[in-house]
């Protein structure tokens, strides 16, 4: 069943990534540290805590759309990996990819209700 669903879900995720009309909010702990801070005014709620005002934390230009794209890319990677694995694909970097695949599936579950267009 997981292989069958992967074949259905993957093209839908790719289409959403290409044609989305908005972005779901992503918890900062779900993206790499380099994507957790922003200088844009789109995410003023980060200023709830004073330490977000520190100059070193405001150097990265990253907004909610970039974070959502990153989450979608991780989901897409996971489903592509699953399909390749089911088709007999062999991966030399299996240990590192396994962690990324597991995280992509975790993000899919966590942000399932954000898969709107």
Protein backbone atom coordinates (compact mmCIF):
# COMPACT_ATOMS: atom_id res chain seq x y z
CA UNK A 1 0.00 0.00 0.00
CA UNK A 2 2.82 2.45 0.81
CA UNK A 3 4.31 1.98 -2.65
CA UNK A 4 0.95 2.50 -4.35
CA UNK A 5 0.26 5.67 -2.37
CA UNK A 6 3.75 7.00 -3.13
CA UNK A 7 3.03 6.77 -6.88
CA UNK A 8 -0.15 8.80 -6.36
CA UNK A 9 1.21 11.34 -3.88
CA UNK A 10 4.51 12.20 -5.61
CA UNK A 11 3.07 13.85 -8.74
CA UNK A 12 0.55 15.73 -6.61
CA UNK A 13 3.33 17.12 -4.40
CA UNK A 14 5.32 18.15 -7.48
CA UNK A 15 2.31 19.91 -8.96
CA UNK A 16 1.61 21.70 -5.67
CA UNK A 17 5.26 22.82 -5.51
CA UNK A 18 5.07 24.21 -9.04
CA UNK A 19 1.63 25.85 -8.90
CA UNK A 20 0.92 26.74 -5.29
CA UNK A 21 -0.94 29.94 -4.44
CA UNK A 22 0.35 30.33 -0.91
CA UNK A 23 2.45 28.67 1.73
CA UNK A 24 1.71 26.82 4.90
CA UNK A 25 3.30 28.03 8.10
CA UNK A 26 6.27 25.91 9.08
CA UNK A 27 7.59 25.51 12.61
CA UNK A 28 11.12 26.85 12.79
CA UNK A 29 12.45 23.63 14.32
CA UNK A 30 11.46 21.78 11.12
CA UNK A 31 13.86 23.66 8.84
CA UNK A 32 17.66 23.94 8.88
CA UNK A 33 19.01 26.51 11.28
CA UNK A 34 20.07 28.73 8.39
CA UNK A 35 16.39 29.16 7.45
CA UNK A 36 15.08 30.05 10.89
CA UNK A 37 15.66 33.79 10.87
CA UNK A 38 14.67 36.54 8.51
CA UNK A 39 15.14 40.20 7.81
CA UNK A 40 11.78 40.50 6.09
CA UNK A 41 8.80 42.10 7.75
CA UNK A 42 6.57 39.20 6.65
CA UNK A 43 7.31 37.27 9.81
CA UNK A 44 7.11 39.84 12.61
CA UNK A 45 5.97 37.19 15.07
CA UNK A 46 9.62 36.15 15.35
CA UNK A 47 10.16 39.36 17.30
CA UNK A 48 8.09 37.97 20.15
CA UNK A 49 11.39 37.03 21.74
CA UNK A 50 14.07 39.68 22.19
CA UNK A 51 16.94 37.41 21.12
CA UNK A 52 15.55 37.46 17.56
CA UNK A 53 16.58 41.13 17.41
CA UNK A 54 20.28 40.27 17.71
CA UNK A 55 22.05 41.47 14.53
CA UNK A 56 23.78 38.12 13.90
CA UNK A 57 20.42 36.36 13.70
CA UNK A 58 18.98 38.76 11.12
CA UNK A 59 21.51 38.21 8.34
CA UNK A 60 19.69 35.42 6.54
CA UNK A 61 17.03 36.36 3.99
CA UNK A 62 14.42 33.65 4.35
CA UNK A 63 10.67 33.92 4.46
CA UNK A 64 7.69 31.63 5.00
CA UNK A 65 7.55 30.73 1.30
CA UNK A 66 11.18 29.57 1.26
CA UNK A 67 10.55 27.46 4.34
CA UNK A 68 7.45 25.87 2.81
CA UNK A 69 9.32 25.14 -0.43
CA UNK A 70 12.05 23.43 1.61
CA UNK A 71 9.45 21.26 3.41
CA UNK A 72 7.80 20.33 0.10
CA UNK A 73 11.21 19.44 -1.36
CA UNK A 74 11.89 17.13 1.57
CA UNK A 75 8.52 15.43 1.11
CA UNK A 76 9.17 15.03 -2.62
CA UNK A 77 12.60 13.55 -1.93
CA UNK A 78 11.08 11.00 0.45
CA UNK A 79 8.43 9.84 -2.00
CA UNK A 80 10.90 9.73 -4.91
CA UNK A 81 13.24 7.63 -2.78
CA UNK A 82 10.38 5.28 -1.84
CA UNK A 83 9.43 4.75 -5.49
CA UNK A 84 13.06 4.18 -6.51
CA UNK A 85 13.54 1.76 -3.63
CA UNK A 86 10.43 -0.18 -4.63
CA UNK A 87 11.75 -0.39 -8.19
CA UNK A 88 15.01 -1.99 -7.06
CA UNK A 89 17.11 1.14 -6.89
CA UNK A 90 20.34 0.78 -4.93
CA UNK A 91 21.66 3.74 -2.97
CA UNK A 92 25.29 3.95 -1.88
CA UNK A 93 24.49 6.67 0.68
CA UNK A 94 21.60 4.77 2.25
CA UNK A 95 22.28 5.76 5.89
CA UNK A 96 22.19 9.51 5.24
CA UNK A 97 19.26 9.25 2.85
CA UNK A 98 17.30 7.06 5.26
CA UNK A 99 17.29 9.87 7.85
CA UNK A 100 16.22 12.38 5.21
CA UNK A 101 13.47 10.06 3.92
CA UNK A 102 12.14 9.49 7.43
CA UNK A 103 12.11 13.24 8.02
CA UNK A 104 10.29 13.83 4.71
CA UNK A 105 7.57 11.38 5.71
CA UNK A 106 7.38 12.96 9.18
CA UNK A 107 6.93 16.39 7.58
CA UNK A 108 4.25 14.98 5.25
CA UNK A 109 2.26 13.79 8.26
CA UNK A 110 2.82 16.95 10.27
CA UNK A 111 1.91 19.34 7.45
CA UNK A 112 -0.73 17.19 5.74
CA UNK A 113 -3.41 19.84 6.29
CA UNK A 114 -1.18 22.45 4.67
CA UNK A 115 -1.27 20.60 1.34
CA UNK A 116 -3.86 22.97 -0.07
CA UNK A 117 -3.83 25.13 -3.16
